[in-house]
Amino acid sequence: MRHLIAIVGLIGLTGCNSAQSAKKEAEQEYAVGSYEQSLKAYQLCSAQNRDEPEKCGALARVMEADKKRYERETQGL
């Protein structure tokens, strides 16, 4: 009986770890995708507004924020 309880407990813990792992992986994928998208948007804006780079200031700030999230989420990979 004790063995059965231990096995059920281990299965429960494994499920929690799997859910946490999946959540972490999803957060990392989101961070990578967000950074790539904001980087492309900024690069496009910069190419179209070479004479007026200030027009891309908001995109630059978004890109920097996404870059920080990307670096934080992918640390230790």
N, C-alpha and C. Protein backbone atom coordinates (compact mmCIF):
# COMPACT_ATOMS: atom_id res chain seq x y z
N MET A 1 0.82 -1.19 0.00
CA MET A 1 0.00 0.00 0.00
C MET A 1 0.87 1.26 0.00
N ARG A 2 1.94 1.23 0.80
CA ARG A 2 2.83 2.40 0.84
C ARG A 2 3.45 2.66 -0.52
N HIS A 3 3.78 1.58 -1.22
CA HIS A 3 4.40 1.72 -2.54
C HIS A 3 3.43 2.38 -3.52
N LEU A 4 2.18 2.00 -3.42
CA LEU A 4 1.16 2.58 -4.29
C LEU A 4 1.03 4.08 -4.03
N ILE A 5 1.01 4.46 -2.77
CA ILE A 5 0.92 5.87 -2.42
C ILE A 5 2.14 6.63 -2.92
N ALA A 6 3.31 6.04 -2.78
CA ALA A 6 4.54 6.68 -3.26
C ALA A 6 4.52 6.85 -4.78
N ILE A 7 4.05 5.84 -5.49
CA ILE A 7 3.99 5.91 -6.95
C ILE A 7 3.00 6.99 -7.39
N VAL A 8 1.85 7.03 -6.77
CA VAL A 8 0.85 8.05 -7.10
C VAL A 8 1.42 9.44 -6.81
N GLY A 9 2.11 9.58 -5.71
CA GLY A 9 2.74 10.87 -5.38
C GLY A 9 3.78 11.29 -6.39
N LEU A 10 4.60 10.35 -6.83
CA LEU A 10 5.62 10.66 -7.83
C LEU A 10 5.01 11.03 -9.17
N ILE A 11 3.95 10.35 -9.54
CA ILE A 11 3.26 10.68 -10.79
C ILE A 11 2.71 12.10 -10.72
N GLY A 12 2.16 12.45 -9.58
CA GLY A 12 1.64 13.81 -9.40
C GLY A 12 2.73 14.85 -9.51
N LEU A 13 3.87 14.60 -8.91
CA LEU A 13 4.99 15.54 -8.99
C LEU A 13 5.53 15.65 -10.40
N THR A 14 5.58 14.56 -11.10
CA THR A 14 6.06 14.57 -12.48
C THR A 14 5.14 15.42 -13.34
N GLY A 15 3.85 15.32 -13.12
CA GLY A 15 2.89 16.13 -13.86
C GLY A 15 3.11 17.61 -13.62
N CYS A 16 3.39 18.00 -12.40
CA CYS A 16 3.65 19.41 -12.08
C CYS A 16 4.90 19.90 -12.78
N ASN A 17 5.95 19.08 -12.75
CA ASN A 17 7.19 19.47 -13.41
C ASN A 17 7.00 19.60 -14.91
N SER A 18 6.20 18.72 -15.49
CA SER A 18 5.94 18.78 -16.92
C SER A 18 5.19 20.06 -17.27
N ALA A 19 4.23 20.42 -16.45
CA ALA A 19 3.46 21.64 -16.69
C ALA A 19 4.35 22.87 -16.56
N GLN A 20 5.21 22.87 -15.55
CA GLN A 20 6.13 24.00 -15.37
C GLN A 20 7.11 24.08 -16.52
N SER A 21 7.59 22.95 -16.97
CA SER A 21 8.53 22.91 -18.08
C SER A 21 7.87 23.41 -19.36
N ALA A 22 6.63 23.00 -19.59
CA ALA A 22 5.90 23.44 -20.78
C ALA A 22 5.64 24.94 -20.72
N LYS A 23 5.33 25.45 -19.54
CA LYS A 23 5.09 26.88 -19.38
C LYS A 23 6.37 27.66 -19.66
N LYS A 24 7.48 27.20 -19.13
CA LYS A 24 8.77 27.86 -19.34
C LYS A 24 9.13 27.85 -20.83
N GLU A 25 8.91 26.73 -21.48
CA GLU A 25 9.20 26.62 -22.91
C GLU A 25 8.32 27.58 -23.72
N ALA A 26 7.05 27.68 -23.36
CA ALA A 26 6.14 28.59 -24.05
C ALA A 26 6.58 30.05 -23.85
N GLU A 27 7.01 30.38 -22.64
CA GLU A 27 7.49 31.74 -22.36
C GLU A 27 8.74 32.05 -23.18
N GLN A 28 9.62 31.07 -23.31
CA GLN A 28 10.84 31.28 -24.10
C GLN A 28 10.50 31.47 -25.58
N GLU A 29 9.59 30.65 -26.09
CA GLU A 29 9.18 30.78 -27.49
C GLU A 29 8.54 32.13 -27.75
N TYR A 30 7.71 32.58 -26.81
CA TYR A 30 7.06 33.89 -26.95
C TYR A 30 8.11 35.00 -26.95
N ALA A 31 9.08 34.90 -26.06
CA ALA A 31 10.13 35.92 -25.98
C ALA A 31 10.94 35.98 -27.27
N VAL A 32 11.28 34.83 -27.81
CA VAL A 32 12.05 34.78 -29.06
C VAL A 32 11.22 35.37 -30.20
N GLY A 33 9.97 34.95 -30.31
CA GLY A 33 9.10 35.44 -31.38
C GLY A 33 8.85 36.93 -31.29
N SER A 34 8.62 37.43 -30.09
CA SER A 34 8.38 38.86 -29.89
C SER A 34 9.60 39.68 -30.28
N TYR A 35 10.77 39.21 -29.85
CA TYR A 35 11.99 39.94 -30.17
C TYR A 35 12.25 39.95 -31.67
N GLU A 36 12.10 38.81 -32.31
CA GLU A 36 12.33 38.74 -33.76
C GLU A 36 11.37 39.66 -34.51
N GLN A 37 10.12 39.68 -34.09
CA GLN A 37 9.11 40.51 -34.75
C GLN A 37 9.40 41.99 -34.54
N SER A 38 9.71 42.39 -33.33
CA SER A 38 9.98 43.80 -33.07
C SER A 38 11.28 44.25 -33.72
N LEU A 39 12.26 43.37 -33.80
CA LEU A 39 13.52 43.70 -34.48
C LEU A 39 13.27 43.95 -35.96
N LYS A 40 12.49 43.08 -36.60
CA LYS A 40 12.18 43.26 -38.02
C LYS A 40 11.41 44.55 -38.26
N ALA A 41 10.45 44.84 -37.39
CA ALA A 41 9.66 46.07 -37.54
C ALA A 41 10.56 47.30 -37.41
N TYR A 42 11.47 47.27 -36.45
CA TYR A 42 12.39 48.40 -36.27
C TYR A 42 13.33 48.54 -37.46
N GLN A 43 13.85 47.43 -37.95
CA GLN A 43 14.75 47.48 -39.10
C GLN A 43 14.04 48.03 -40.33
N LEU A 44 12.81 47.62 -40.53
CA LEU A 44 12.02 48.11 -41.66
C LEU A 44 11.78 49.61 -41.53
N CYS A 45 11.39 50.04 -40.36
CA CYS A 45 11.15 51.47 -40.11
C CYS A 45 12.43 52.27 -40.32
N SER A 46 13.53 51.77 -39.82
CA SER A 46 14.82 52.46 -39.97
C SER A 46 15.21 52.59 -41.44
N ALA A 47 14.97 51.54 -42.20
CA ALA A 47 15.30 51.58 -43.63
C ALA A 47 14.43 52.58 -44.38
N GLN A 48 13.18 52.70 -43.98
CA GLN A 48 12.25 53.61 -44.65
C GLN A 48 12.39 55.05 -44.18
N ASN A 49 13.00 55.26 -43.03
CA ASN A 49 13.10 56.61 -42.46
C ASN A 49 14.54 56.96 -42.11
N ARG A 50 15.42 56.74 -43.05
CA ARG A 50 16.85 56.99 -42.78
C ARG A 50 17.12 58.45 -42.43
N ASP A 51 16.36 59.35 -43.02
CA ASP A 51 16.58 60.78 -42.76
C ASP A 51 15.90 61.25 -41.48
N GLU A 52 14.95 60.46 -40.97
CA GLU A 52 14.22 60.83 -39.76
C GLU A 52 14.14 59.63 -38.80
N PRO A 53 15.26 59.26 -38.21
CA PRO A 53 15.26 58.07 -37.33
C PRO A 53 14.37 58.22 -36.10
N GLU A 54 14.05 59.45 -35.72
CA GLU A 54 13.19 59.66 -34.55
C GLU A 54 11.79 59.09 -34.77
N LYS A 55 11.40 58.88 -36.02
CA LYS A 55 10.09 58.29 -36.30
C LYS A 55 10.02 56.84 -35.82
N CYS A 56 11.16 56.25 -35.58
CA CYS A 56 11.21 54.84 -35.17
C CYS A 56 11.50 54.68 -33.67
N GLY A 57 11.42 55.76 -32.93
CA GLY A 57 11.75 55.73 -31.51
C GLY A 57 10.90 54.75 -30.71
N ALA A 58 9.60 54.74 -30.98
CA ALA A 58 8.71 53.83 -30.24
C ALA A 58 9.04 52.38 -30.54
N LEU A 59 9.32 52.10 -31.82
CA LEU A 59 9.69 50.73 -32.19
C LEU A 59 11.02 50.32 -31.57
N ALA A 60 11.93 51.28 -31.45
CA ALA A 60 13.22 50.99 -30.82
C ALA A 60 13.03 50.61 -29.35
N ARG A 61 12.13 51.33 -28.66
CA ARG A 61 11.88 51.02 -27.25
C ARG A 61 11.22 49.65 -27.08
N VAL A 62 10.28 49.34 -27.96
CA VAL A 62 9.63 48.03 -27.92
C VAL A 62 10.66 46.93 -28.17
N MET A 63 11.52 47.15 -29.17
CA MET A 63 12.54 46.16 -29.49
C MET A 63 13.48 45.95 -28.30
N GLU A 64 13.88 47.01 -27.64
CA GLU A 64 14.77 46.89 -26.48
C GLU A 64 14.10 46.12 -25.34
N ALA A 65 12.83 46.40 -25.10
CA ALA A 65 12.10 45.68 -24.05
C ALA A 65 11.98 44.20 -24.39
N ASP A 66 11.69 43.92 -25.66
CA ASP A 66 11.60 42.52 -26.09
C ASP A 66 12.95 41.83 -26.01
N LYS A 67 14.01 42.56 -26.30
CA LYS A 67 15.36 42.00 -26.22
C LYS A 67 15.69 41.63 -24.77
N LYS A 68 15.33 42.50 -23.84
CA LYS A 68 15.58 42.21 -22.42
C LYS A 68 14.81 40.97 -21.97
N ARG A 69 13.53 40.87 -22.39
CA ARG A 69 12.73 39.69 -22.04
C ARG A 69 13.36 38.45 -22.65
N TYR A 70 13.78 38.54 -23.90
CA TYR A 70 14.42 37.41 -24.59
C TYR A 70 15.67 36.96 -23.83
N GLU A 71 16.51 37.91 -23.45
CA GLU A 71 17.75 37.57 -22.73
C GLU A 71 17.44 36.95 -21.37
N ARG A 72 16.44 37.48 -20.68
CA ARG A 72 16.07 36.96 -19.36
C ARG A 72 15.50 35.54 -19.48
N GLU A 73 14.64 35.31 -20.46
CA GLU A 73 13.98 34.01 -20.61
C GLU A 73 14.91 32.93 -21.14
N THR A 74 15.93 33.31 -21.90
CA THR A 74 16.79 32.30 -22.51
C THR A 74 18.12 32.14 -21.79
N GLN A 75 18.27 32.75 -20.64
CA GLN A 75 19.50 32.58 -19.85
C GLN A 75 19.66 31.12 -19.47
N GLY A 76 20.86 30.63 -19.61
CA GLY A 76 21.16 29.28 -19.17
C GLY A 76 20.75 28.17 -20.12
N LEU A 77 20.40 28.51 -21.33
CA LEU A 77 20.04 27.45 -22.29
C LEU A 77 21.26 26.80 -22.86
